[in-house]
């Protein structure tokens, strides 16, 4: 009977050693995964959350200020009887775009002529 107890004691030691090995293996795998993730994030050039939140707050404040200024300019334009600046800006962009198109055709860049002037 004493030999069977010894067998169970040895079996318990082996099982305990295996559990200990699996535990250390799990810790080692977790450590390796953690290191790999840190390396990937460093290589990916990801912005830290605190920097993102700071820039988001700045952008939100800038947008709020822009909206206030737009309302103020609109009110001043209404008092002066001037057309809104946004419409004038759109017309200016359209004129600039039509002017630049003929210049591109006139240079002859497609035929291979020298455009350095």
PDB file of N, CA and C in Angstrom:
ATOM      1  N   UNK A   1       0.816  -1.183   0.000  1.00  0.00           N
ATOM      2  CA  UNK A   1       0.000   0.000   0.000  1.00  0.00           C
ATOM      3  C   UNK A   1       0.863   1.251   0.000  1.00  0.00           C
ATOM      4  N   UNK A   2       1.996   1.105   0.589  1.00  0.00           N
ATOM      5  CA  UNK A   2       2.896   2.232   0.675  1.00  0.00           C
ATOM      6  C   UNK A   2       3.414   2.629  -0.719  1.00  0.00           C
ATOM      7  N   UNK A   3       3.591   1.699  -1.627  1.00  0.00           N
ATOM      8  CA  UNK A   3       4.071   2.001  -2.976  1.00  0.00           C
ATOM      9  C   UNK A   3       3.045   2.776  -3.772  1.00  0.00           C
ATOM     10  N   UNK A   4       1.755   2.525  -3.589  1.00  0.00           N
ATOM     11  CA  UNK A   4       0.736   3.270  -4.325  1.00  0.00           C
ATOM     12  C   UNK A   4       0.671   4.722  -3.841  1.00  0.00           C
ATOM     13  N   UNK A   5       0.879   4.949  -2.536  1.00  0.00           N
ATOM     14  CA  UNK A   5       0.909   6.320  -2.024  1.00  0.00           C
ATOM     15  C   UNK A   5       2.095   7.083  -2.623  1.00  0.00           C
ATOM     16  N   UNK A   6       3.187   6.380  -2.719  1.00  0.00           N
ATOM     17  CA  UNK A   6       4.373   7.009  -3.303  1.00  0.00           C
ATOM     18  C   UNK A   6       4.130   7.358  -4.774  1.00  0.00           C
ATOM     19  N   UNK A   7       3.439   6.468  -5.464  1.00  0.00           N
ATOM     20  CA  UNK A   7       3.108   6.705  -6.866  1.00  0.00           C
ATOM     21  C   UNK A   7       2.226   7.945  -6.993  1.00  0.00           C
ATOM     22  N   UNK A   8       1.213   8.071  -6.144  1.00  0.00           N
ATOM     23  CA  UNK A   8       0.325   9.230  -6.188  1.00  0.00           C
ATOM     24  C   UNK A   8       1.061  10.512  -5.787  1.00  0.00           C
ATOM     25  N   UNK A   9       1.981  10.408  -4.860  1.00  0.00           N
ATOM     26  CA  UNK A   9       2.790  11.570  -4.474  1.00  0.00           C
ATOM     27  C   UNK A   9       3.644  12.042  -5.647  1.00  0.00           C
ATOM     28  N   UNK A  10       4.269  11.081  -6.330  1.00  0.00           N
ATOM     29  CA  UNK A  10       5.076  11.432  -7.500  1.00  0.00           C
ATOM     30  C   UNK A  10       4.210  12.022  -8.607  1.00  0.00           C
ATOM     31  N   UNK A  11       3.050  11.440  -8.802  1.00  0.00           N
ATOM     32  CA  UNK A  11       2.119  11.944  -9.813  1.00  0.00           C
ATOM     33  C   UNK A  11       1.661  13.366  -9.469  1.00  0.00           C
ATOM     34  N   UNK A  12       1.422  13.640  -8.204  1.00  0.00           N
ATOM     35  CA  UNK A  12       1.017  14.977  -7.761  1.00  0.00           C
ATOM     36  C   UNK A  12       2.153  15.980  -7.986  1.00  0.00           C
ATOM     37  N   UNK A  13       3.390  15.542  -7.745  1.00  0.00           N
ATOM     38  CA  UNK A  13       4.537  16.429  -7.992  1.00  0.00           C
ATOM     39  C   UNK A  13       4.677  16.749  -9.475  1.00  0.00           C
ATOM     40  N   UNK A  14       4.504  15.724 -10.311  1.00  0.00           N
ATOM     41  CA  UNK A  14       4.598  15.941 -11.767  1.00  0.00           C
ATOM     42  C   UNK A  14       3.492  16.891 -12.221  1.00  0.00           C
ATOM     43  N   UNK A  15       2.281  16.682 -11.733  1.00  0.00           N
ATOM     44  CA  UNK A  15       1.158  17.548 -12.096  1.00  0.00           C
ATOM     45  C   UNK A  15       1.402  18.979 -11.617  1.00  0.00           C
ATOM     46  N   UNK A  16       1.914  19.116 -10.412  1.00  0.00           N
ATOM     47  CA  UNK A  16       2.216  20.459  -9.885  1.00  0.00           C
ATOM     48  C   UNK A  16       3.302  21.139 -10.697  1.00  0.00           C
ATOM     49  N   UNK A  17       4.311  20.368 -11.085  1.00  0.00           N
ATOM     50  CA  UNK A  17       5.380  20.918 -11.920  1.00  0.00           C
ATOM     51  C   UNK A  17       4.872  21.326 -13.286  1.00  0.00           C
ATOM     52  N   UNK A  18       3.975  20.517 -13.853  1.00  0.00           N
ATOM     53  CA  UNK A  18       3.395  20.845 -15.159  1.00  0.00           C
ATOM     54  C   UNK A  18       2.556  22.121 -15.060  1.00  0.00           C
ATOM     55  N   UNK A  19       1.779  22.247 -14.009  1.00  0.00           N
ATOM     56  CA  UNK A  19       0.963  23.451 -13.821  1.00  0.00           C
ATOM     57  C   UNK A  19       1.854  24.674 -13.675  1.00  0.00           C
ATOM     58  N   UNK A  20       2.943  24.511 -12.943  1.00  0.00           N
ATOM     59  CA  UNK A  20       3.888  25.613 -12.780  1.00  0.00           C
ATOM     60  C   UNK A  20       4.519  25.981 -14.119  1.00  0.00           C
ATOM     61  N   UNK A  21       4.855  24.969 -14.912  1.00  0.00           N
ATOM     62  CA  UNK A  21       5.451  25.216 -16.230  1.00  0.00           C
ATOM     63  C   UNK A  21       4.465  25.929 -17.141  1.00  0.00           C
ATOM     64  N   UNK A  22       3.199  25.490 -17.128  1.00  0.00           N
ATOM     65  CA  UNK A  22       2.191  26.139 -17.960  1.00  0.00           C
ATOM     66  C   UNK A  22       1.955  27.581 -17.524  1.00  0.00           C
ATOM     67  N   UNK A  23       2.010  27.815 -16.242  1.00  0.00           N
ATOM     68  CA  UNK A  23       1.823  29.170 -15.726  1.00  0.00           C
ATOM     69  C   UNK A  23       2.954  30.080 -16.189  1.00  0.00           C
ATOM     70  N   UNK A  24       4.186  29.593 -16.095  1.00  0.00           N
ATOM     71  CA  UNK A  24       5.321  30.411 -16.536  1.00  0.00           C
ATOM     72  C   UNK A  24       5.306  30.570 -18.058  1.00  0.00           C
ATOM     73  N   UNK A  25       4.860  29.530 -18.768  1.00  0.00           N
ATOM     74  CA  UNK A  25       4.743  29.622 -20.228  1.00  0.00           C
ATOM     75  C   UNK A  25       3.707  30.677 -20.615  1.00  0.00           C
ATOM     76  N   UNK A  26       2.586  30.689 -19.895  1.00  0.00           N
ATOM     77  CA  UNK A  26       1.548  31.691 -20.148  1.00  0.00           C
ATOM     78  C   UNK A  26       2.090  33.100 -19.919  1.00  0.00           C
ATOM     79  N   UNK A  27       2.826  33.304 -18.834  1.00  0.00           N
ATOM     80  CA  UNK A  27       3.406  34.616 -18.550  1.00  0.00           C
ATOM     81  C   UNK A  27       4.395  35.026 -19.635  1.00  0.00           C
ATOM     82  N   UNK A  28       5.186  34.070 -20.097  1.00  0.00           N
ATOM     83  CA  UNK A  28       6.164  34.369 -21.141  1.00  0.00           C
ATOM     84  C   UNK A  28       5.477  34.725 -22.463  1.00  0.00           C
ATOM     85  N   UNK A  29       4.433  34.001 -22.807  1.00  0.00           N
ATOM     86  CA  UNK A  29       3.683  34.303 -24.036  1.00  0.00           C
ATOM     87  C   UNK A  29       3.026  35.683 -23.932  1.00  0.00           C
ATOM     88  N   UNK A  30       2.443  35.990 -22.783  1.00  0.00           N
ATOM     89  CA  UNK A  30       1.837  37.316 -22.587  1.00  0.00           C
ATOM     90  C   UNK A  30       2.881  38.419 -22.734  1.00  0.00           C
ATOM     91  N   UNK A  31       4.052  38.199 -22.190  1.00  0.00           N
ATOM     92  CA  UNK A  31       5.129  39.175 -22.287  1.00  0.00           C
ATOM     93  C   UNK A  31       5.564  39.368 -23.732  1.00  0.00           C
ATOM     94  N   UNK A  32       5.684  38.276 -24.474  1.00  0.00           N
ATOM     95  CA  UNK A  32       6.091  38.369 -25.878  1.00  0.00           C
ATOM     96  C   UNK A  32       5.038  39.095 -26.717  1.00  0.00           C
ATOM     97  N   UNK A  33       3.772  38.799 -26.469  1.00  0.00           N
ATOM     98  CA  UNK A  33       2.687  39.472 -27.200  1.00  0.00           C
ATOM     99  C   UNK A  33       2.684  40.966 -26.881  1.00  0.00           C
ATOM    100  N   UNK A  34       2.874  41.287 -25.621  1.00  0.00           N
ATOM    101  CA  UNK A  34       2.910  42.694 -25.201  1.00  0.00           C
ATOM    102  C   UNK A  34       4.058  43.439 -25.897  1.00  0.00           C
ATOM    103  N   UNK A  35       5.231  42.841 -25.937  1.00  0.00           N
ATOM    104  CA  UNK A  35       6.377  43.466 -26.599  1.00  0.00           C
ATOM    105  C   UNK A  35       6.117  43.634 -28.089  1.00  0.00           C
ATOM    106  N   UNK A  36       5.535  42.628 -28.721  1.00  0.00           N
ATOM    107  CA  UNK A  36       5.245  42.705 -30.154  1.00  0.00           C
ATOM    108  C   UNK A  36       4.221  43.794 -30.449  1.00  0.00           C
ATOM    109  N   UNK A  37       3.200  43.911 -29.633  1.00  0.00           N
ATOM    110  CA  UNK A  37       2.189  44.961 -29.830  1.00  0.00           C
ATOM    111  C   UNK A  37       2.799  46.344 -29.663  1.00  0.00           C
ATOM    112  N   UNK A  38       3.674  46.508 -28.665  1.00  0.00           N
ATOM    113  CA  UNK A  38       4.345  47.795 -28.492  1.00  0.00           C
ATOM    114  C   UNK A  38       5.195  48.129 -29.716  1.00  0.00           C
ATOM    115  N   UNK A  39       5.891  47.138 -30.249  1.00  0.00           N
ATOM    116  CA  UNK A  39       6.725  47.348 -31.428  1.00  0.00           C
ATOM    117  C   UNK A  39       5.869  47.732 -32.639  1.00  0.00           C
ATOM    118  N   UNK A  40       4.737  47.054 -32.816  1.00  0.00           N
ATOM    119  CA  UNK A  40       3.845  47.360 -33.933  1.00  0.00           C
ATOM    120  C   UNK A  40       3.268  48.768 -33.821  1.00  0.00           C
ATOM    121  N   UNK A  41       2.862  49.147 -32.617  1.00  0.00           N
ATOM    122  CA  UNK A  41       2.297  50.484 -32.422  1.00  0.00           C
ATOM    123  C   UNK A  41       3.358  51.572 -32.625  1.00  0.00           C
ATOM    124  N   UNK A  42       4.577  51.299 -32.216  1.00  0.00           N
ATOM    125  CA  UNK A  42       5.652  52.271 -32.413  1.00  0.00           C
ATOM    126  C   UNK A  42       5.961  52.428 -33.899  1.00  0.00           C
ATOM    127  N   UNK A  43       5.946  51.330 -34.627  1.00  0.00           N
ATOM    128  CA  UNK A  43       6.209  51.387 -36.065  1.00  0.00           C
ATOM    129  C   UNK A  43       5.050  51.984 -36.837  1.00  0.00           C
ATOM    130  N   UNK A  44       3.836  51.862 -36.322  1.00  0.00           N
ATOM    131  CA  UNK A  44       2.652  52.353 -37.017  1.00  0.00           C
ATOM    132  C   UNK A  44       2.501  53.873 -36.896  1.00  0.00           C
ATOM    133  N   UNK A  45       3.297  54.508 -36.081  1.00  0.00           N
ATOM    134  CA  UNK A  45       3.254  55.958 -35.900  1.00  0.00           C
ATOM    135  C   UNK A  45       1.859  56.411 -35.453  1.00  0.00           C
ATOM    136  N   UNK A  46       1.338  55.766 -34.424  1.00  0.00           N
ATOM    137  CA  UNK A  46       0.020  56.060 -33.883  1.00  0.00           C
ATOM    138  C   UNK A  46       0.131  57.202 -32.874  1.00  0.00           C
ATOM    139  N   UNK A  47      -0.852  58.087 -32.915  1.00  0.00           N
ATOM    140  CA  UNK A  47      -0.879  59.224 -31.996  1.00  0.00           C
ATOM    141  C   UNK A  47      -1.388  58.758 -30.639  1.00  0.00           C
ATOM    142  N   UNK A  48      -0.723  59.144 -29.565  1.00  0.00           N
ATOM    143  CA  UNK A  48      -1.226  58.792 -28.228  1.00  0.00           C
ATOM    144  C   UNK A  48      -2.581  59.441 -27.959  1.00  0.00           C
ATOM    145  N   UNK A  49      -3.388  58.802 -27.160  1.00  0.00           N
ATOM    146  CA  UNK A  49      -4.752  59.257 -26.896  1.00  0.00           C
ATOM    147  C   UNK A  49      -4.788  60.655 -26.291  1.00  0.00           C
ATOM    148  N   UNK A  50      -3.874  60.963 -25.361  1.00  0.00           N
ATOM    149  CA  UNK A  50      -3.895  62.279 -24.724  1.00  0.00           C
ATOM    150  C   UNK A  50      -3.598  63.387 -25.733  1.00  0.00           C
ATOM    151  N   UNK A  51      -2.687  63.133 -26.682  1.00  0.00           N
ATOM    152  CA  UNK A  51      -2.410  64.133 -27.719  1.00  0.00           C
ATOM    153  C   UNK A  51      -3.615  64.302 -28.632  1.00  0.00           C
ATOM    154  N   UNK A  52      -4.276  63.188 -28.976  1.00  0.00           N
ATOM    155  CA  UNK A  52      -5.464  63.251 -29.819  1.00  0.00           C
ATOM    156  C   UNK A  52      -6.555  64.073 -29.149  1.00  0.00           C
ATOM    157  N   UNK A  53      -6.785  63.818 -27.860  1.00  0.00           N
ATOM    158  CA  UNK A  53      -7.813  64.559 -27.131  1.00  0.00           C
ATOM    159  C   UNK A  53      -7.487  66.044 -27.051  1.00  0.00           C
ATOM    160  N   UNK A  54      -6.201  66.379 -26.889  1.00  0.00           N
ATOM    161  CA  UNK A  54      -5.803  67.785 -26.824  1.00  0.00           C
ATOM    162  C   UNK A  54      -6.063  68.487 -28.160  1.00  0.00           C
ATOM    163  N   UNK A  55      -5.680  67.846 -29.263  1.00  0.00           N
ATOM    164  CA  UNK A  55      -5.899  68.437 -30.583  1.00  0.00           C
ATOM    165  C   UNK A  55      -7.388  68.526 -30.894  1.00  0.00           C
ATOM    166  N   UNK A  56      -8.144  67.538 -30.461  1.00  0.00           N
ATOM    167  CA  UNK A  56      -9.594  67.558 -30.669  1.00  0.00           C
ATOM    168  C   UNK A  56     -10.218  68.743 -29.950  1.00  0.00           C
ATOM    169  N   UNK A  57      -9.771  69.009 -28.723  1.00  0.00           N
ATOM    170  CA  UNK A  57     -10.286  70.147 -27.968  1.00  0.00           C
ATOM    171  C   UNK A  57      -9.933  71.464 -28.654  1.00  0.00           C
ATOM    172  N   UNK A  58      -8.714  71.559 -29.170  1.00  0.00           N
ATOM    173  CA  UNK A  58      -8.297  72.777 -29.885  1.00  0.00           C
ATOM    174  C   UNK A  58      -9.144  72.969 -31.136  1.00  0.00           C
ATOM    175  N   UNK A  59      -9.370  71.882 -31.887  1.00  0.00           N
ATOM    176  CA  UNK A  59     -10.174  71.968 -33.106  1.00  0.00           C
ATOM    177  C   UNK A  59     -11.615  72.351 -32.800  1.00  0.00           C
ATOM    178  N   UNK A  60     -12.168  71.810 -31.733  1.00  0.00           N
ATOM    179  CA  UNK A  60     -13.532  72.148 -31.347  1.00  0.00           C
ATOM    180  C   UNK A  60     -13.639  73.622 -30.972  1.00  0.00           C
ATOM    181  N   UNK A  61     -12.660  74.113 -30.226  1.00  0.00           N
ATOM    182  CA  UNK A  61     -12.667  75.519 -29.834  1.00  0.00           C
ATOM    183  C   UNK A  61     -12.517  76.419 -31.056  1.00  0.00           C
ATOM    184  N   UNK A  62     -11.637  76.026 -31.977  1.00  0.00           N
ATOM    185  CA  UNK A  62     -11.443  76.820 -33.194  1.00  0.00           C
ATOM    186  C   UNK A  62     -12.711  76.852 -34.027  1.00  0.00           C
ATOM    187  N   UNK A  63     -13.393  75.720 -34.128  1.00  0.00           N
ATOM    188  CA  UNK A  63     -14.639  75.659 -34.895  1.00  0.00           C
ATOM    189  C   UNK A  63     -15.704  76.547 -34.260  1.00  0.00           C
ATOM    190  N   UNK A  64     -15.800  76.542 -32.943  1.00  0.00           N
ATOM    191  CA  UNK A  64     -16.765  77.387 -32.243  1.00  0.00           C
ATOM    192  C   UNK A  64     -16.463  78.860 -32.492  1.00  0.00           C
ATOM    193  N   UNK A  65     -15.189  79.218 -32.401  1.00  0.00           N
ATOM    194  CA  UNK A  65     -14.799  80.608 -32.645  1.00  0.00           C
ATOM    195  C   UNK A  65     -15.089  81.003 -34.092  1.00  0.00           C
ATOM    196  N   UNK A  66     -14.840  80.086 -35.033  1.00  0.00           N
ATOM    197  CA  UNK A  66     -15.109  80.374 -36.437  1.00  0.00           C
ATOM    198  C   UNK A  66     -16.595  80.628 -36.657  1.00  0.00           C
ATOM    199  N   UNK A  67     -17.448  79.823 -36.049  1.00  0.00           N
ATOM    200  CA  UNK A  67     -18.881  80.013 -36.197  1.00  0.00           C
ATOM    201  C   UNK A  67     -19.323  81.345 -35.608  1.00  0.00           C
ATOM    202  N   UNK A  68     -18.757  81.730 -34.456  1.00  0.00           N
ATOM    203  CA  UNK A  68     -19.075  83.033 -33.859  1.00  0.00           C
ATOM    204  C   UNK A  68     -18.664  84.165 -34.794  1.00  0.00           C
ATOM    205  N   UNK A  69     -17.460  84.044 -35.355  1.00  0.00           N
ATOM    206  CA  UNK A  69     -16.978  85.095 -36.261  1.00  0.00           C
ATOM    207  C   UNK A  69     -17.800  85.163 -37.543  1.00  0.00           C
ATOM    208  N   UNK A  70     -18.225  84.002 -38.057  1.00  0.00           N
ATOM    209  CA  UNK A  70     -19.074  84.006 -39.245  1.00  0.00           C
ATOM    210  C   UNK A  70     -20.390  84.728 -38.979  1.00  0.00           C
ATOM    211  N   UNK A  71     -20.994  84.485 -37.812  1.00  0.00           N
ATOM    212  CA  UNK A  71     -22.232  85.171 -37.456  1.00  0.00           C
ATOM    213  C   UNK A  71     -21.993  86.675 -37.322  1.00  0.00           C
ATOM    214  N   UNK A  72     -20.872  87.024 -36.714  1.00  0.00           N
ATOM    215  CA  UNK A  72     -20.557  88.439 -36.519  1.00  0.00           C
ATOM    216  C   UNK A  72     -20.328  89.148 -37.857  1.00  0.00           C
ATOM    217  N   UNK A  73     -19.597  88.494 -38.761  1.00  0.00           N
ATOM    218  CA  UNK A  73     -19.350  89.077 -40.086  1.00  0.00           C
ATOM    219  C   UNK A  73     -20.651  89.199 -40.855  1.00  0.00           C
ATOM    220  N   UNK A  74     -21.505  88.178 -40.766  1.00  0.00           N
ATOM    221  CA  UNK A  74     -22.801  88.232 -41.451  1.00  0.00           C
ATOM    222  C   UNK A  74     -23.642  89.393 -40.933  1.00  0.00           C
ATOM    223  N   UNK A  75     -23.640  89.594 -39.621  1.00  0.00           N
ATOM    224  CA  UNK A  75     -24.402  90.703 -39.038  1.00  0.00           C
ATOM    225  C   UNK A  75     -23.843  92.043 -39.505  1.00  0.00           C
ATOM    226  N   UNK A  76     -22.512  92.158 -39.533  1.00  0.00           N
ATOM    227  CA  UNK A  76     -21.899  93.406 -39.993  1.00  0.00           C
ATOM    228  C   UNK A  76     -22.176  93.650 -41.473  1.00  0.00           C
ATOM    229  N   UNK A  77     -22.123  92.590 -42.282  1.00  0.00           N
ATOM    230  CA  UNK A  77     -22.423  92.729 -43.703  1.00  0.00           C
ATOM    231  C   UNK A  77     -23.868  93.140 -43.912  1.00  0.00           C
ATOM    232  N   UNK A  78     -24.764  92.591 -43.097  1.00  0.00           N
ATOM    233  CA  UNK A  78     -26.178  92.954 -43.205  1.00  0.00           C
ATOM    234  C   UNK A  78     -26.383  94.413 -42.841  1.00  0.00           C
ATOM    235  N   UNK A  79     -25.665  94.895 -41.823  1.00  0.00           N
ATOM    236  CA  UNK A  79     -25.782  96.306 -41.428  1.00  0.00           C
ATOM    237  C   UNK A  79     -25.232  97.231 -42.503  1.00  0.00           C
ATOM    238  N   UNK A  80     -24.182  96.798 -43.189  1.00  0.00           N
ATOM    239  CA  UNK A  80     -23.572  97.626 -44.223  1.00  0.00           C
ATOM    240  C   UNK A  80     -24.253  97.457 -45.575  1.00  0.00           C
ATOM    241  N   UNK A  81     -25.032  96.408 -45.731  1.00  0.00           N
ATOM    242  CA  UNK A  81     -25.698  96.154 -47.000  1.00  0.00           C
ATOM    243  C   UNK A  81     -24.766  95.537 -48.026  1.00  0.00           C
ATOM    244  N   UNK A  82     -23.749  94.825 -47.569  1.00  0.00           N
ATOM    245  CA  UNK A  82     -22.779  94.192 -48.453  1.00  0.00           C
ATOM    246  C   UNK A  82     -23.191  92.744 -48.685  1.00  0.00           C
ATOM    247  N   UNK A  83     -22.863  92.225 -49.893  1.00  0.00           N
ATOM    248  CA  UNK A  83     -23.165  90.823 -50.161  1.00  0.00           C
ATOM    249  C   UNK A  83     -22.265  89.950 -49.297  1.00  0.00           C
ATOM    250  N   UNK A  84     -22.739  88.775 -48.908  1.00  0.00           N
ATOM    251  CA  UNK A  84     -21.927  87.876 -48.079  1.00  0.00           C
ATOM    252  C   UNK A  84     -20.606  87.515 -48.755  1.00  0.00           C
ATOM    253  N   UNK A  85     -19.562  87.435 -47.957  1.00  0.00           N
ATOM    254  CA  UNK A  85     -18.224  87.160 -48.475  1.00  0.00           C
ATOM    255  C   UNK A  85     -18.113  85.760 -49.062  1.00  0.00           C
ATOM    256  N   UNK A  86     -18.868  84.790 -48.565  1.00  0.00           N
ATOM    257  CA  UNK A  86     -18.772  83.415 -49.049  1.00  0.00           C
ATOM    258  C   UNK A  86     -19.146  83.325 -50.519  1.00  0.00           C
ATOM    259  N   UNK A  87     -20.166  84.067 -50.945  1.00  0.00           N
ATOM    260  CA  UNK A  87     -20.565  84.034 -52.352  1.00  0.00           C
ATOM    261  C   UNK A  87     -19.519  84.707 -53.226  1.00  0.00           C
ATOM    262  N   UNK A  88     -18.970  85.816 -52.769  1.00  0.00           N
ATOM    263  CA  UNK A  88     -17.937  86.507 -53.541  1.00  0.00           C
ATOM    264  C   UNK A  88     -16.706  85.620 -53.676  1.00  0.00           C
ATOM    265  N   UNK A  89     -16.372  84.886 -52.638  1.00  0.00           N
ATOM    266  CA  UNK A  89     -15.219  84.001 -52.656  1.00  0.00           C
ATOM    267  C   UNK A  89     -15.418  82.882 -53.677  1.00  0.00           C
ATOM    268  N   UNK A  90     -16.633  82.348 -53.754  1.00  0.00           N
ATOM    269  CA  UNK A  90     -16.935  81.280 -54.697  1.00  0.00           C
ATOM    270  C   UNK A  90     -16.790  81.773 -56.125  1.00  0.00           C
ATOM    271  N   UNK A  91     -17.270  83.000 -56.395  1.00  0.00           N
ATOM    272  CA  UNK A  91     -17.132  83.555 -57.742  1.00  0.00           C
ATOM    273  C   UNK A  91     -15.670  83.769 -58.090  1.00  0.00           C
ATOM    274  N   UNK A  92     -14.862  84.205 -57.138  1.00  0.00           N
ATOM    275  CA  UNK A  92     -13.445  84.423 -57.386  1.00  0.00           C
ATOM    276  C   UNK A  92     -12.757  83.114 -57.730  1.00  0.00           C
ATOM    277  N   UNK A  93     -13.086  82.051 -57.031  1.00  0.00           N
ATOM    278  CA  UNK A  93     -12.497  80.749 -57.328  1.00  0.00           C
ATOM    279  C   UNK A  93     -12.891  80.289 -58.720  1.00  0.00           C
ATOM    280  N   UNK A  94     -14.142  80.530 -59.109  1.00  0.00           N
ATOM    281  CA  UNK A  94     -14.595  80.099 -60.425  1.00  0.00           C
ATOM    282  C   UNK A  94     -13.865  80.865 -61.521  1.00  0.00           C
ATOM    283  N   UNK A  95     -13.663  82.162 -61.334  1.00  0.00           N
ATOM    284  CA  UNK A  95     -12.938  82.961 -62.328  1.00  0.00           C
ATOM    285  C   UNK A  95     -11.493  82.509 -62.428  1.00  0.00           C
ATOM    286  N   UNK A  96     -10.865  82.238 -61.305  1.00  0.00           N
ATOM    287  CA  UNK A  96      -9.483  81.785 -61.301  1.00  0.00           C
ATOM    288  C   UNK A  96      -9.352  80.448 -62.016  1.00  0.00           C
ATOM    289  N   UNK A  97     -10.301  79.564 -61.806  1.00  0.00           N
ATOM    290  CA  UNK A  97     -10.242  78.248 -62.436  1.00  0.00           C
ATOM    291  C   UNK A  97     -10.391  78.366 -63.945  1.00  0.00           C
ATOM    292  N   UNK A  98     -11.267  79.258 -64.431  1.00  0.00           N
ATOM    293  CA  UNK A  98     -11.442  79.394 -65.876  1.00  0.00           C
ATOM    294  C   UNK A  98     -10.242  80.078 -66.511  1.00  0.00           C
ATOM    295  N   UNK A  99      -9.596  80.965 -65.782  1.00  0.00           N
ATOM    296  CA  UNK A  99      -8.413  81.631 -66.323  1.00  0.00           C
ATOM    297  C   UNK A  99      -7.231  80.673 -66.426  1.00  0.00           C
ATOM    298  N   UNK A 100      -7.099  79.759 -65.488  1.00  0.00           N
ATOM    299  CA  UNK A 100      -5.943  78.870 -65.497  1.00  0.00           C
ATOM    300  C   UNK A 100      -6.051  77.800 -66.568  1.00  0.00           C
ATOM    301  N   UNK A 101      -7.246  77.445 -66.984  1.00  0.00           N
ATOM    302  CA  UNK A 101      -7.401  76.410 -67.998  1.00  0.00           C
ATOM    303  C   UNK A 101      -6.826  76.825 -69.356  1.00  0.00           C
ATOM    304  N   UNK A 102      -7.122  78.022 -69.878  1.00  0.00           N
ATOM    305  CA  UNK A 102      -6.534  78.397 -71.168  1.00  0.00           C
ATOM    306  C   UNK A 102      -5.010  78.488 -71.106  1.00  0.00           C
ATOM    307  N   UNK A 103      -4.445  78.916 -69.985  1.00  0.00           N
ATOM    308  CA  UNK A 103      -2.993  78.999 -69.866  1.00  0.00           C
ATOM    309  C   UNK A 103      -2.356  77.632 -70.039  1.00  0.00           C
ATOM    310  N   UNK A 104      -2.972  76.610 -69.466  1.00  0.00           N
ATOM    311  CA  UNK A 104      -2.411  75.268 -69.568  1.00  0.00           C
ATOM    312  C   UNK A 104      -2.419  74.798 -71.015  1.00  0.00           C
ATOM    313  N   UNK A 105      -3.447  75.170 -71.783  1.00  0.00           N
ATOM    314  CA  UNK A 105      -3.514  74.774 -73.185  1.00  0.00           C
ATOM    315  C   UNK A 105      -2.527  75.571 -74.029  1.00  0.00           C
ATOM    316  N   UNK A 106      -2.333  76.817 -73.688  1.00  0.00           N
ATOM    317  CA  UNK A 106      -1.465  77.700 -74.474  1.00  0.00           C
ATOM    318  C   UNK A 106      -0.006  77.375 -74.315  1.00  0.00           C
ATOM    319  N   UNK A 107       0.396  76.751 -73.232  1.00  0.00           N
ATOM    320  CA  UNK A 107       1.825  76.492 -73.009  1.00  0.00           C
ATOM    321  C   UNK A 107       2.366  75.422 -73.920  1.00  0.00           C
ATOM    322  N   UNK A 108       1.505  74.542 -74.375  1.00  0.00           N
ATOM    323  CA  UNK A 108       1.958  73.487 -75.263  1.00  0.00           C
ATOM    324  C   UNK A 108       2.768  72.443 -74.540  1.00  0.00           C
ATOM    325  N   UNK A 109       2.501  72.228 -73.275  1.00  0.00           N
ATOM    326  CA  UNK A 109       3.246  71.254 -72.486  1.00  0.00           C
ATOM    327  C   UNK A 109       3.048  69.843 -73.014  1.00  0.00           C
ATOM    328  N   UNK A 110       1.894  69.598 -73.641  1.00  0.00           N
ATOM    329  CA  UNK A 110       1.633  68.260 -74.140  1.00  0.00           C
ATOM    330  C   UNK A 110       2.464  67.955 -75.394  1.00  0.00           C
ATOM    331  N   UNK A 111       2.742  68.988 -76.209  1.00  0.00           N
ATOM    332  CA  UNK A 111       3.534  68.753 -77.432  1.00  0.00           C
ATOM    333  C   UNK A 111       5.019  68.626 -77.141  1.00  0.00           C
ATOM    334  N   UNK A 112       5.449  68.916 -75.928  1.00  0.00           N
ATOM    335  CA  UNK A 112       6.849  68.793 -75.569  1.00  0.00           C
ATOM    336  C   UNK A 112       7.650  70.059 -75.785  1.00  0.00           C
ATOM    337  N   UNK A 113       6.986  71.219 -75.933  1.00  0.00           N
ATOM    338  CA  UNK A 113       7.718  72.476 -76.109  1.00  0.00           C
ATOM    339  C   UNK A 113       8.245  72.947 -74.772  1.00  0.00           C
ATOM    340  N   UNK A 114       9.238  73.778 -74.807  1.00  0.00           N
ATOM    341  CA  UNK A 114       9.854  74.295 -73.587  1.00  0.00           C
ATOM    342  C   UNK A 114       8.966  75.365 -73.006  1.00  0.00           C
ATOM    343  N   UNK A 115       8.572  75.228 -71.727  1.00  0.00           N
ATOM    344  CA  UNK A 115       7.706  76.191 -71.062  1.00  0.00           C
ATOM    345  C   UNK A 115       8.456  76.973 -70.007  1.00  0.00           C
ATOM    346  N   UNK A 116       9.772  76.902 -69.998  1.00  0.00           N
ATOM    347  CA  UNK A 116      10.526  77.579 -68.940  1.00  0.00           C
ATOM    348  C   UNK A 116      10.562  79.088 -69.149  1.00  0.00           C
ATOM    349  N   UNK A 117      10.209  79.592 -70.361  1.00  0.00           N
ATOM    350  CA  UNK A 117      10.055  81.022 -70.576  1.00  0.00           C
ATOM    351  C   UNK A 117      11.316  81.687 -70.813  1.00  0.00           C
TER     352      UNK A 117
END
